[in-house]
Protein backbone atom coordinates (compact mmCIF):
# COMPACT_ATOMS: atom_id res chain seq x y z
CA UNK A 1 -17.74 3.17 -26.05
CA UNK A 2 -16.78 -0.59 -25.70
CA UNK A 3 -19.05 -3.27 -24.92
CA UNK A 4 -20.18 -3.54 -21.10
CA UNK A 5 -18.37 -6.43 -19.41
CA UNK A 6 -19.72 -6.96 -16.20
CA UNK A 7 -16.78 -9.05 -14.70
CA UNK A 8 -14.74 -5.70 -15.16
CA UNK A 9 -14.92 -3.67 -12.17
CA UNK A 10 -14.16 -0.36 -14.05
CA UNK A 11 -17.46 -1.30 -16.54
CA UNK A 12 -19.47 -2.27 -13.40
CA UNK A 13 -18.49 1.24 -11.73
CA UNK A 14 -19.52 3.04 -15.22
CA UNK A 15 -22.82 1.49 -15.08
CA UNK A 16 -23.53 2.33 -11.63
CA UNK A 17 -22.23 5.96 -12.06
CA UNK A 18 -24.51 6.31 -14.60
CA UNK A 19 -27.33 4.87 -12.52
CA UNK A 20 -26.51 7.59 -9.81
CA UNK A 21 -26.98 10.29 -12.64
CA UNK A 22 -30.56 8.73 -13.49
CA UNK A 23 -31.42 8.80 -9.81
CA UNK A 24 -30.32 12.64 -9.70
CA UNK A 25 -32.65 13.22 -12.78
CA UNK A 26 -35.57 11.65 -11.16
CA UNK A 27 -35.14 13.70 -7.85
CA UNK A 28 -34.83 16.88 -10.18
CA UNK A 29 -38.16 16.14 -11.64
CA UNK A 30 -40.15 15.08 -8.50
CA UNK A 31 -38.22 17.71 -6.27
CA UNK A 32 -37.65 20.88 -8.10
CA UNK A 33 -36.06 22.74 -5.31
CA UNK A 34 -33.60 19.96 -4.52
CA UNK A 35 -29.92 20.98 -4.14
CA UNK A 36 -27.38 18.25 -5.88
CA UNK A 37 -24.11 17.19 -4.18
CA UNK A 38 -22.24 14.30 -5.43
CA UNK A 39 -23.19 10.74 -6.86
CA UNK A 40 -20.56 8.06 -7.08
CA UNK A 41 -20.12 4.52 -7.80
CA UNK A 42 -19.37 2.40 -4.85
CA UNK A 43 -18.37 -1.06 -4.23
CA UNK A 44 -21.92 -2.37 -4.87
CA UNK A 45 -24.15 0.29 -6.50
CA UNK A 46 -24.12 3.82 -6.22
CA UNK A 47 -25.68 6.58 -4.13
CA UNK A 48 -26.56 10.43 -4.68
CA UNK A 49 -26.29 13.10 -1.87
CA UNK A 50 -29.19 15.88 -1.90
CA UNK A 51 -29.79 18.70 0.28
CA UNK A 52 -33.98 18.66 0.55
CA UNK A 53 -36.41 20.51 2.88
CA UNK A 54 -37.99 17.65 3.98
CA UNK A 55 -36.19 14.08 4.77
CA UNK A 56 -36.94 11.45 2.36
CA UNK A 57 -39.31 8.55 3.62
CA UNK A 58 -39.48 4.89 2.31
CA UNK A 59 -42.72 5.89 0.21
CA UNK A 60 -40.21 8.63 -1.37
CA UNK A 61 -37.96 6.14 -2.48
CA UNK A 62 -40.74 3.98 -4.40
CA UNK A 63 -41.86 7.19 -6.02
CA UNK A 64 -38.17 7.96 -7.22
CA UNK A 65 -37.42 4.41 -8.40
CA UNK A 66 -40.53 4.45 -10.45
CA UNK A 67 -39.58 7.84 -12.12
CA UNK A 68 -36.03 6.44 -12.97
CA UNK A 69 -37.63 3.55 -14.61
CA UNK A 70 -39.61 5.78 -16.82
CA UNK A 71 -36.26 7.65 -17.56
CA UNK A 72 -34.34 4.69 -18.21
CA UNK A 73 -37.10 3.61 -20.64
CA UNK A 74 -36.42 6.82 -22.87
CA UNK A 75 -32.84 5.62 -23.28
CA UNK A 76 -31.52 9.14 -23.19
CA UNK A 77 -27.94 9.37 -23.97
CA UNK A 78 -24.97 10.81 -21.73
CA UNK A 79 -23.27 13.49 -23.46
CA UNK A 80 -20.07 14.96 -22.29
CA UNK A 81 -18.83 18.68 -22.83
CA UNK A 82 -15.90 20.55 -21.55
CA UNK A 83 -16.62 24.12 -20.54
CA UNK A 84 -14.87 27.00 -18.64
CA UNK A 85 -15.42 27.52 -14.97
CA UNK A 86 -16.89 30.78 -15.48
CA UNK A 87 -19.45 28.94 -17.68
CA UNK A 88 -19.96 26.35 -15.09
CA UNK A 89 -20.80 28.87 -12.43
CA UNK A 90 -23.30 30.40 -14.55
CA UNK A 91 -24.74 26.84 -15.53
CA UNK A 92 -25.22 25.57 -11.94
CA UNK A 93 -26.32 29.00 -10.67
CA UNK A 94 -27.68 28.36 -7.05
CA UNK A 95 -26.55 24.77 -6.72
CA UNK A 96 -24.01 25.67 -4.24
CA UNK A 97 -22.43 22.44 -3.63
CA UNK A 98 -21.68 22.43 -7.44
CA UNK A 99 -20.25 25.93 -7.31
CA UNK A 100 -18.08 24.80 -4.28
CA UNK A 101 -16.65 21.88 -6.14
CA UNK A 102 -16.20 23.85 -9.29
CA UNK A 103 -14.04 26.41 -7.24
CA UNK A 104 -11.88 23.54 -5.63
CA UNK A 105 -11.16 21.93 -9.10
CA UNK A 106 -7.81 22.45 -10.81
CA UNK A 107 -7.39 24.10 -14.03
CA UNK A 108 -9.68 26.16 -16.01
CA UNK A 109 -12.20 23.82 -17.56
CA UNK A 110 -14.42 21.33 -16.14
CA UNK A 111 -16.33 18.44 -17.79
CA UNK A 112 -20.22 18.02 -17.44
CA UNK A 113 -22.56 15.22 -18.29
CA UNK A 114 -26.14 15.59 -19.56
CA UNK A 115 -28.82 12.91 -19.74
CA UNK A 116 -32.25 14.43 -20.52
CA UNK A 117 -32.97 17.44 -18.66
CA UNK A 118 -30.19 16.91 -15.88
CA UNK A 119 -26.73 18.11 -16.04
CA UNK A 120 -24.11 17.30 -13.59
CA UNK A 121 -20.50 18.36 -12.92
CA UNK A 122 -18.68 15.23 -13.35
CA UNK A 123 -15.22 13.45 -14.83
CA UNK A 124 -17.17 10.36 -15.90
CA UNK A 125 -16.92 7.95 -17.50
CA UNK A 126 -20.36 7.03 -18.43
CA UNK A 127 -22.70 4.61 -20.59
CA UNK A 128 -23.48 5.92 -23.82
CA UNK A 129 -27.00 5.90 -22.60
CA UNK A 130 -29.26 4.41 -20.15
CA UNK A 131 -30.58 1.66 -22.20
CA UNK A 132 -28.22 -1.04 -20.52
CA UNK A 133 -29.82 -0.27 -17.12
CA UNK A 134 -32.57 -3.13 -17.07
CA UNK A 135 -33.34 -3.04 -13.35
CA UNK A 136 -32.77 -0.71 -10.53
CA UNK A 137 -33.72 -0.78 -6.78
CA UNK A 138 -33.53 2.18 -4.45
CA UNK A 139 -32.18 0.52 -1.03
CA UNK A 140 -32.20 2.97 1.81
CA UNK A 141 -31.69 6.41 2.81
CA UNK A 142 -29.30 7.73 5.15
CA UNK A 143 -27.63 11.18 6.69
CA UNK A 144 -24.20 12.13 5.36
CA UNK A 145 -22.24 15.34 6.14
CA UNK A 146 -21.19 17.23 2.92
CA UNK A 147 -17.54 16.33 2.14
CA UNK A 148 -17.76 14.10 5.01
CA UNK A 149 -17.19 16.89 7.59
CA UNK A 150 -19.23 16.96 10.66
CA UNK A 151 -19.11 20.89 10.85
CA UNK A 152 -20.92 20.90 7.34
CA UNK A 153 -24.60 20.58 6.55
CA UNK A 154 -26.40 16.86 6.88
CA UNK A 155 -27.28 15.95 3.51
CA UNK A 156 -29.86 13.03 2.53
CA UNK A 157 -27.88 10.39 0.82
CA UNK A 158 -29.71 7.72 -1.16
CA UNK A 159 -28.27 4.37 -1.96
CA UNK A 160 -29.29 2.19 -5.07
CA UNK A 161 -28.33 -0.89 -6.84
CA UNK A 162 -28.78 -1.45 -10.88
CA UNK A 163 -28.26 -4.34 -13.09
CA UNK A 164 -28.25 -5.42 -16.93
CA UNK A 165 -31.01 -7.66 -16.37
CA UNK A 166 -34.14 -8.24 -13.56
CA UNK A 167 -32.42 -11.80 -13.08
CA UNK A 168 -29.30 -10.36 -11.61
CA UNK A 169 -31.29 -7.86 -9.43
CA UNK A 170 -33.26 -10.91 -7.96
CA UNK A 171 -29.84 -12.82 -7.22
CA UNK A 172 -28.47 -10.08 -5.79
CA UNK A 173 -31.35 -9.26 -3.52
CA UNK A 174 -31.74 -12.87 -2.66
CA UNK A 175 -27.93 -12.99 -1.78
CA UNK A 176 -28.43 -9.62 0.21
CA UNK A 177 -31.21 -11.26 2.43
CA UNK A 178 -29.14 -14.12 3.37
CA UNK A 179 -26.17 -11.83 4.18
CA UNK A 180 -28.53 -9.80 6.55
CA UNK A 181 -28.83 -13.14 8.43
CA UNK A 182 -25.11 -13.11 8.83
CA UNK A 183 -24.72 -9.37 9.60
CA UNK A 184 -21.65 -9.43 12.01
CA UNK A 185 -23.48 -6.26 13.98
CA UNK A 186 -26.37 -8.52 14.74
CA UNK A 187 -24.59 -11.77 15.36
CA UNK A 188 -21.86 -9.89 17.56
CA UNK A 189 -24.72 -8.60 20.00
CA UNK A 190 -26.60 -11.99 19.93
CA UNK A 191 -23.74 -14.23 20.66
CA UNK A 192 -22.16 -11.29 23.21
CA UNK A 193 -18.92 -11.11 21.13
CA UNK A 194 -18.35 -7.26 20.78
CA UNK A 195 -20.09 -3.82 21.18
CA UNK A 196 -19.75 -0.24 19.80
CA UNK A 197 -20.50 2.87 22.07
CA UNK A 198 -20.63 6.46 21.21
CA UNK A 199 -17.91 7.13 24.00
CA UNK A 200 -15.16 5.86 21.50
CA UNK A 201 -16.52 6.19 17.83
CA UNK A 202 -14.99 3.83 15.49
CA UNK A 203 -13.27 1.83 18.04
CA UNK A 204 -14.39 -1.81 19.29
CA UNK A 205 -14.88 -3.20 22.75
CA UNK A 206 -14.34 -6.69 22.47
CA UNK A 207 -16.12 -8.87 25.28
CA UNK A 208 -14.99 -12.11 26.84
CA UNK A 209 -16.27 -14.28 23.96
CA UNK A 210 -15.22 -12.27 21.41
CA UNK A 211 -11.82 -12.40 23.00
CA UNK A 212 -12.11 -16.17 22.96
CA UNK A 213 -12.13 -16.07 19.08
CA UNK A 214 -9.41 -13.25 18.99
CA UNK A 215 -6.91 -15.21 20.97
CA UNK A 216 -7.38 -18.26 18.83
CA UNK A 217 -6.46 -16.27 15.86
CA UNK A 218 -3.52 -14.86 17.76
CA UNK A 219 -2.47 -18.30 18.82
CA UNK A 220 -2.48 -19.71 15.57
CA UNK A 221 -0.79 -16.91 13.98
CA UNK A 222 1.94 -16.98 16.44
CA UNK A 223 2.39 -20.55 16.26
CA UNK A 224 2.82 -20.57 12.29
CA UNK A 225 5.01 -17.60 12.04
CA UNK A 226 7.30 -18.95 14.82
CA UNK A 227 7.49 -22.04 12.40
CA UNK A 228 8.18 -19.60 9.22
CA UNK A 229 11.18 -18.16 11.17
CA UNK A 230 9.73 -14.71 12.33
CA UNK A 231 10.54 -12.93 15.17
CA UNK A 232 8.25 -10.91 16.91
CA UNK A 233 8.45 -7.22 18.20
CA UNK A 234 6.41 -4.52 19.65
CA UNK A 235 6.63 -0.81 19.21
CA UNK A 236 5.22 2.50 21.12
CA UNK A 237 1.83 3.62 20.13
CA UNK A 238 3.03 7.38 20.04
CA UNK A 239 6.36 8.64 18.28
CA UNK A 240 7.68 12.02 17.47
CA UNK A 241 6.80 14.14 14.81
CA UNK A 242 10.41 14.07 13.07
CA UNK A 243 9.90 10.29 12.71
CA UNK A 244 6.92 10.62 10.69
CA UNK A 245 8.34 13.64 8.74
CA UNK A 246 11.10 11.10 7.77
CA UNK A 247 8.85 8.38 6.81
CA UNK A 248 6.78 10.90 4.74
CA UNK A 249 3.67 10.12 6.57
CA UNK A 250 3.69 13.95 7.90
CA UNK A 251 3.44 14.87 4.34
CA UNK A 252 1.02 12.32 2.48
CA UNK A 253 -1.03 11.06 5.39
CA UNK A 254 -1.42 13.97 7.94
CA UNK A 255 -5.08 14.12 7.70
CA UNK A 256 -5.52 10.44 8.73
CA UNK A 257 -3.39 10.86 11.97
CA UNK A 258 -4.10 11.99 15.45
CA UNK A 259 -1.55 14.43 17.22
CA UNK A 260 -0.56 15.20 20.80
CA UNK A 261 2.07 17.29 22.52
CA UNK A 262 4.30 15.80 25.39
CA UNK A 263 6.87 18.37 26.97
CA UNK A 264 6.02 21.16 24.51
CA UNK A 265 6.97 18.68 21.56
CA UNK A 266 4.99 17.41 18.58
CA UNK A 267 4.16 13.58 18.60
CA UNK A 268 1.75 11.53 16.54
CA UNK A 269 -0.24 8.22 17.39
CA UNK A 270 1.17 5.50 14.79
CA UNK A 271 -1.36 4.85 11.93
CA UNK A 272 1.21 2.32 10.63
CA UNK A 273 3.62 0.10 12.15
CA UNK A 274 6.71 0.07 9.90
CA UNK A 275 8.65 3.14 11.07
CA UNK A 276 8.68 1.73 14.61
CA UNK A 277 9.93 -1.48 13.29
CA UNK A 278 12.58 0.16 11.10
CA UNK A 279 14.16 1.90 14.36
CA UNK A 280 14.48 -1.61 15.66
CA UNK A 281 16.62 -2.77 12.59
CA UNK A 282 18.56 0.30 12.83
CA UNK A 283 19.83 -0.67 16.34
CA UNK A 284 22.26 -3.31 15.14
CA UNK A 285 24.72 -3.52 12.51
CA UNK A 286 23.77 -6.19 9.97
CA UNK A 287 25.70 -8.47 7.90
CA UNK A 288 24.47 -10.11 4.75
CA UNK A 289 24.62 -13.35 7.07
CA UNK A 290 21.53 -11.98 9.05
CA UNK A 291 19.14 -11.49 6.36
CA UNK A 292 16.27 -12.34 5.60
CA UNK A 293 15.17 -10.91 8.88
CA UNK A 294 11.36 -11.46 9.42
CA UNK A 295 10.21 -9.05 11.96
CA UNK A 296 6.23 -9.59 12.85
CA UNK A 297 4.45 -7.18 15.04
CA UNK A 298 0.46 -7.43 16.23
CA UNK A 299 0.58 -3.70 15.98
CA UNK A 300 -2.29 -1.33 17.13
CA UNK A 301 -2.73 1.69 15.08
CA UNK A 302 -5.17 4.50 14.94
CA UNK A 303 -6.48 6.06 11.61
CA UNK A 304 -8.83 9.01 11.46
CA UNK A 305 -11.65 8.12 9.23
CA UNK A 306 -14.58 10.16 8.67
CA UNK A 307 -17.45 9.32 10.77
CA UNK A 308 -19.82 8.93 7.74
CA UNK A 309 -17.42 5.61 6.34
CA UNK A 310 -17.19 3.98 9.80
CA UNK A 311 -18.73 0.59 9.51
CA UNK A 312 -18.99 -1.87 12.44
CA UNK A 313 -15.78 -4.09 12.39
CA UNK A 314 -15.02 -3.35 8.61
CA UNK A 315 -14.13 0.16 9.07
CA UNK A 316 -13.01 1.36 12.06
CA UNK A 317 -10.39 3.92 13.64
CA UNK A 318 -8.39 1.80 15.91
CA UNK A 319 -7.44 -1.90 14.87
CA UNK A 320 -4.65 -4.32 14.97
CA UNK A 321 -2.54 -4.97 12.03
CA UNK A 322 -0.64 -8.75 11.74
CA UNK A 323 2.18 -6.65 10.24
CA UNK A 324 5.53 -8.14 9.17
CA UNK A 325 8.42 -6.45 7.60
CA UNK A 326 10.98 -8.69 5.87
CA UNK A 327 14.81 -7.19 5.31
CA UNK A 328 16.30 -9.11 2.40
CA UNK A 329 18.92 -8.97 -0.24
CA UNK A 330 17.70 -8.66 -3.71
CA UNK A 331 18.69 -12.34 -4.45
CA UNK A 332 16.49 -13.30 -1.71
CA UNK A 333 13.22 -11.47 -3.04
CA UNK A 334 11.74 -14.15 -4.98
CA UNK A 335 12.04 -16.80 -2.31
CA UNK A 336 10.73 -14.64 0.57
CA UNK A 337 7.79 -13.52 -1.86
CA UNK A 338 7.11 -17.01 -2.45
CA UNK A 339 7.23 -18.01 1.35
CA UNK A 340 4.83 -15.10 2.11
CA UNK A 341 2.47 -16.56 -0.63
CA UNK A 342 2.72 -20.22 0.69
CA UNK A 343 2.05 -18.76 4.33
CA UNK A 344 -1.14 -16.85 3.06
CA UNK A 345 -2.34 -19.83 1.20
CA UNK A 346 -2.07 -21.90 4.10
CA UNK A 347 -3.88 -19.47 6.45
CA UNK A 348 -6.89 -19.23 4.09
CA UNK A 349 -7.37 -22.75 3.41
CA UNK A 350 -7.83 -23.21 7.26
CA UNK A 351 -10.51 -20.80 7.04
CA UNK A 352 -12.08 -22.30 4.17
CA UNK A 353 -11.58 -19.34 1.88
CA UNK A 354 -10.82 -19.58 -1.98
CA UNK A 355 -9.21 -16.26 -3.37
CA UNK A 356 -7.93 -14.52 -6.17
CA UNK A 357 -4.74 -12.55 -6.82
CA UNK A 358 -4.02 -9.38 -8.13
CA UNK A 359 -0.59 -7.83 -9.14
CA UNK A 360 -0.30 -3.90 -9.22
CA UNK A 361 2.55 -2.75 -11.23
CA UNK A 362 4.57 0.83 -11.74
CA UNK A 363 2.59 3.69 -11.28
CA UNK A 364 3.28 7.01 -13.21
CA UNK A 365 4.78 8.70 -10.50
CA UNK A 366 7.10 6.21 -8.97
CA UNK A 367 9.98 6.37 -6.64
CA UNK A 368 13.26 4.60 -8.20
CA UNK A 369 14.54 3.51 -11.39
CA UNK A 370 12.53 1.63 -14.03
CA UNK A 371 15.45 -1.06 -14.15
CA UNK A 372 14.85 -1.68 -10.02
CA UNK A 373 11.03 -1.81 -10.55
CA UNK A 374 11.46 -4.23 -13.40
CA UNK A 375 13.52 -6.41 -11.16
CA UNK A 376 10.77 -6.29 -8.36
CA UNK A 377 7.77 -6.91 -10.75
CA UNK A 378 9.50 -9.79 -12.08
CA UNK A 379 10.25 -11.42 -8.58
CA UNK A 380 6.71 -11.09 -7.63
CA UNK A 381 5.63 -12.74 -11.10
CA UNK A 382 8.02 -15.32 -11.13
CA UNK A 383 6.94 -16.30 -7.17
CA UNK A 384 3.45 -16.39 -8.41
CA UNK A 385 4.04 -18.64 -11.38
CA UNK A 386 6.51 -20.86 -9.34
CA UNK A 387 3.39 -21.34 -7.05
CA UNK A 388 0.90 -21.99 -10.20
CA UNK A 389 -0.88 -19.15 -9.14
CA UNK A 390 -3.10 -17.32 -11.65
CA UNK A 391 -3.22 -13.76 -11.01
CA UNK A 392 -4.64 -10.52 -12.87
CA UNK A 393 -1.96 -7.48 -13.51
CA UNK A 394 -3.20 -4.10 -12.64
CA UNK A 395 -1.02 -2.07 -14.90
CA UNK A 396 0.08 1.33 -13.06
CA UNK A 397 -1.79 0.35 -9.85
CA UNK A 398 1.23 -0.20 -7.62
CA UNK A 399 2.23 1.99 -4.58
CA UNK A 400 4.80 4.79 -5.16
CA UNK A 401 7.39 2.94 -3.39
CA UNK A 402 7.15 -0.43 -5.29
CA UNK A 403 4.75 -3.10 -6.62
CA UNK A 404 2.49 -5.31 -4.79
CA UNK A 405 0.47 -8.57 -4.61
CA UNK A 406 -3.18 -8.17 -3.09
CA UNK A 407 -4.92 -11.38 -2.27
CA UNK A 408 -9.04 -11.10 -2.47
CA UNK A 409 -10.74 -13.69 -0.44
CA UNK A 410 -14.20 -15.24 -0.87
CA UNK A 411 -16.54 -15.93 1.83
CA UNK A 412 -19.42 -18.33 2.07
CA UNK A 413 -21.71 -15.92 0.06
CA UNK A 414 -19.26 -15.38 -2.66
CA UNK A 415 -18.41 -11.94 -1.52
CA UNK A 416 -14.85 -10.62 -2.42
CA UNK A 417 -12.51 -9.15 0.63
CA UNK A 418 -9.15 -7.70 -0.01
CA UNK A 419 -6.85 -8.85 3.12
CA UNK A 420 -3.53 -10.19 2.45
CA UNK A 421 -0.86 -7.89 0.78
CA UNK A 422 2.80 -8.26 -0.13
CA UNK A 423 4.17 -4.97 -1.03
CA UNK A 424 7.96 -4.41 -2.24
CA UNK A 425 9.21 -1.01 -1.04
CA UNK A 426 12.44 0.93 -1.96
CA UNK A 427 11.41 4.31 -0.31
CA UNK A 428 11.69 3.32 3.47
CA UNK A 429 15.31 1.84 3.21
CA UNK A 430 16.36 4.73 1.57
CA UNK A 431 14.79 7.44 3.67
CA UNK A 432 15.74 5.63 6.71
CA UNK A 433 19.41 4.96 5.36
CA UNK A 434 19.11 1.13 5.98
CA UNK A 435 22.16 -1.06 5.13
CA UNK A 436 23.67 -4.27 5.48
CA UNK A 437 27.26 -5.42 5.06
CA UNK A 438 27.73 -7.44 2.04
CA UNK A 439 30.39 -10.02 1.26
CA UNK A 440 32.71 -7.39 -0.15
CA UNK A 441 32.66 -5.64 3.35
CA UNK A 442 30.57 -2.61 1.87
CA UNK A 443 27.41 -1.32 2.98
CA UNK A 444 24.06 -2.17 0.60
CA UNK A 445 20.71 -1.18 0.72
CA UNK A 446 18.34 -3.88 1.88
CA UNK A 447 14.87 -4.61 0.24
CA UNK A 448 11.94 -4.30 2.29
CA UNK A 449 9.11 -6.29 2.12
CA UNK A 450 5.68 -5.36 3.88
CA UNK A 451 3.02 -8.04 4.50
CA UNK A 452 -0.27 -8.68 6.22
CA UNK A 453 -2.19 -11.95 6.30
CA UNK A 454 -5.49 -11.28 8.21
CA UNK A 455 -4.89 -7.41 7.55
CA UNK A 456 -6.93 -5.86 10.28
CA UNK A 457 -7.64 -8.11 13.05
CA UNK A 458 -11.00 -6.53 13.75
CA UNK A 459 -11.98 -6.56 9.96
CA UNK A 460 -11.09 -10.19 9.81
CA UNK A 461 -13.14 -11.12 12.73
CA UNK A 462 -16.01 -9.32 11.28
CA UNK A 463 -15.48 -11.28 7.95
CA UNK A 464 -15.33 -14.51 9.98
CA UNK A 465 -18.38 -13.87 11.67
CA UNK A 466 -20.52 -13.44 8.54
CA UNK A 467 -18.53 -16.21 6.65
CA UNK A 468 -19.25 -18.73 9.37
CA UNK A 469 -22.71 -16.91 10.17
CA UNK A 470 -21.65 -17.15 13.79
CA UNK A 471 -21.18 -20.85 13.83
CA UNK A 472 -17.27 -21.26 14.29
CA UNK A 473 -15.38 -24.46 13.90
CA UNK A 474 -14.57 -25.85 17.23
CA UNK A 475 -10.91 -24.60 17.74
CA UNK A 476 -12.15 -21.02 16.94
CA UNK A 477 -15.69 -21.24 19.17
CA UNK A 478 -16.09 -19.13 22.13
CA UNK A 479 -18.42 -22.12 23.70
CA UNK A 480 -17.12 -24.97 22.51
CA UNK A 481 -19.23 -27.29 24.99
CA UNK A 482 -22.54 -26.65 26.57
CA UNK A 483 -23.02 -28.93 29.54
CA UNK A 484 -26.84 -29.30 30.88
CA UNK A 485 -27.49 -31.33 33.93
CA UNK A 486 -31.29 -32.75 33.74
CA UNK A 487 -32.03 -32.01 37.26
CA UNK A 488 -30.22 -30.45 40.44
CA UNK A 489 -29.16 -33.62 41.58
CA UNK A 490 -27.09 -34.19 38.56
CA UNK A 491 -25.38 -30.71 39.04
CA UNK A 492 -22.52 -32.38 41.07
CA UNK A 493 -21.54 -34.60 38.24
CA UNK A 494 -21.88 -32.12 35.58
CA UNK A 495 -19.59 -29.68 37.86
CA UNK A 496 -17.16 -32.81 37.71
CA UNK A 497 -17.15 -33.11 33.95
CA UNK A 498 -16.92 -29.57 33.23
CA UNK A 499 -13.79 -29.06 35.58
CA UNK A 500 -12.06 -31.94 33.51
CA UNK A 501 -12.91 -30.44 30.43
CA UNK A 502 -11.85 -27.18 31.56
CA UNK A 503 -8.40 -28.58 32.72
CA UNK A 504 -8.21 -30.12 29.20
CA UNK A 505 -8.34 -26.56 27.59
CA UNK A 506 -11.85 -26.87 26.56
CA UNK A 507 -14.32 -23.71 26.70
CA UNK A 508 -17.23 -24.99 28.92
CA UNK A 509 -20.67 -23.38 29.70
CA UNK A 510 -22.30 -25.41 32.74
CA UNK A 511 -25.96 -24.12 32.44
CA UNK A 512 -27.63 -24.80 35.87
CA UNK A 513 -30.72 -22.40 35.22
CA UNK A 514 -34.00 -23.44 36.21
CA UNK A 515 -35.31 -24.09 32.74
CA UNK A 516 -36.39 -27.29 30.90
CA UNK A 517 -33.84 -29.34 28.93
CA UNK A 518 -35.52 -28.83 25.52
CA UNK A 519 -35.42 -25.02 26.16
CA UNK A 520 -31.62 -25.01 27.04
CA UNK A 521 -30.80 -26.86 24.00
CA UNK A 522 -32.69 -24.69 21.75
CA UNK A 523 -30.96 -21.52 23.65
CA UNK A 524 -27.60 -23.08 23.05
CA UNK A 525 -28.17 -24.15 19.47
CA UNK A 526 -29.03 -20.19 19.11
CA UNK A 527 -25.63 -19.42 20.74
CA UNK A 528 -24.03 -21.67 18.20
CA UNK A 529 -22.35 -23.93 20.95
CA UNK A 530 -20.46 -26.82 19.03
CA UNK A 531 -21.64 -29.32 21.12
CA UNK A 532 -24.44 -29.76 23.70
CA UNK A 533 -24.01 -32.42 26.64
CA UNK A 534 -26.70 -33.52 28.71
CA UNK A 535 -26.35 -35.48 31.87
CA UNK A 536 -28.55 -37.36 34.02
CA UNK A 537 -29.09 -40.49 36.22
CA UNK A 538 -27.86 -42.90 33.49
CA UNK A 539 -24.62 -40.76 32.44
CA UNK A 540 -23.86 -40.41 35.91
CA UNK A 541 -24.05 -43.92 36.74
CA UNK A 542 -22.11 -44.64 33.53
CA UNK A 543 -19.53 -41.83 33.76
CA UNK A 544 -20.76 -40.50 30.15
CA UNK A 545 -22.46 -37.54 28.65
CA UNK A 546 -25.23 -37.65 25.96
CA UNK A 547 -23.95 -35.82 23.13
CA UNK A 548 -25.97 -33.39 20.51
CA UNK A 549 -23.98 -31.60 17.69
CA UNK A 550 -25.10 -27.84 17.12
CA UNK A 551 -26.91 -29.05 14.19
CA UNK A 552 -29.36 -31.10 16.44
CA UNK A 553 -27.81 -34.38 15.10
CA UNK A 554 -27.92 -36.71 18.64
CA UNK A 555 -24.53 -38.84 18.79
CA UNK A 556 -25.84 -40.70 21.85
CA UNK A 557 -24.18 -41.73 25.13
CA UNK A 558 -20.31 -41.38 25.17
CA UNK A 559 -17.80 -41.90 27.93
CA UNK A 560 -16.58 -38.33 29.33
CA UNK A 561 -13.12 -39.24 28.95
CA UNK A 562 -13.71 -40.13 25.24
CA UNK A 563 -15.56 -36.96 24.16
CA UNK A 564 -12.80 -34.80 25.65
CA UNK A 565 -10.25 -36.64 23.49
CA UNK A 566 -12.50 -36.55 20.36
CA UNK A 567 -12.81 -32.59 20.79
CA UNK A 568 -9.26 -32.14 21.53
CA UNK A 569 -8.38 -34.09 18.46
CA UNK A 570 -10.74 -31.87 16.34
CA UNK A 571 -9.37 -28.89 17.79
CA UNK A 572 -5.62 -29.87 17.01
CA UNK A 573 -6.56 -30.57 13.45
CA UNK A 574 -8.44 -27.25 12.90
CA UNK A 575 -11.23 -28.75 10.77
């Protein structure tokens, strides 16, 4: 087994997968009657699902964690064997979940891994032994339906994390504590941005203050896309079954779609925007002179995600994609890819994100000739190199219809989020018989680029809330100015200033509550208002306001007109 490289995702997954087996081994020793389900690595750490008579409590996690440490110190090896399904059925005896998995696996043989006295049905891979695991922490227990199906039994899922050193665990726990202070679900409620309700699981209810941020994102998006030569379209939410059969979604994505019947015909709620946009392309006869066509859509889609994976704004069933589809000739591919890369780079710099880039190439099961794939991959590489962007190549990880570029942004805590993507598609133009008339007056097949910048608007909003810890830059902030009159007699002047600011386009909250000024200031600092303006006798006489920044820094008395001009400049610069 090669040496562990913690910067390699596959090695981290191998490490965490091995840790999940140690967790299961500890549970087996402490709870002899436990039934074992699955225990995969996840983005950060691992989990294992158990069926036990009594739900686990926090004290139980401490006992299990202690037992895991004991097992790890024994440096037990992870041994792999292949056995027949018949042997597997005998081996797992009354382990009903393992028997169900054995039955569903293809072929006549299955692989098993053994560490100590615990044996699991598993394809691996694993560490050679538990020796590299130097630090482990069990984090929480949650309910999880077997196989994510609400009709199945609720299991006990234990989440954990492990590292090759105690220092790494301490650093991770510190970062996690900081992240909890930025939790978008907590801040979303505190700042009155959005809510989630059982009446619409996996869907977000965005409140007025949340819509202020949303609209700011959309206005910025529209402004920059107009400059970049995009046209905007809007397509229906529900489309006929035949369209989804033609696109391939009916066969390959059906389990993630919602369906309905209208006039005894089958329809589906769209999980993706591309087929609708393609129908718009087909309404006209296109010349090579018309291309590239950059067709953008802020399209709302619905995807049937399992309830167990829903996670605030990060994983939802209804979301809006900032989609765009670019139809171009082959000779334009590299230039168009370069333009999208430039647009993505500009957007992310505005928000203060650094990012890394990955290029995914031709998979084993790919549509189209190797020659066409080589041309597409070379176009992506050339565009990245021309922009002097470093990138990692993920061999064989492209979509079946074409290679892609993925952008992974890093937030204020150094966490990585995959957002923007650029995909080259040979499949859709073929499936829908798209063409343009070339210089020789003959029909040719266009190349189709799929791309998003934000990705999901809801998810991007969640990322921003945590990235900024709720303290948004002025141009996005739902409350840009809080205006506080010292006494009731100053309310008239405060209303006059507030009206001038609102007419200038600023978002202002006038606080006339019967509370002390110091109390109001503290409250608006908690609400992350960018500027807190106080007005009293002196300010009314001078036509000024006393300005305090969100940080608590007092700028002193400033003419009302001057502060309006200052804020408008700051908004225009999108600092």
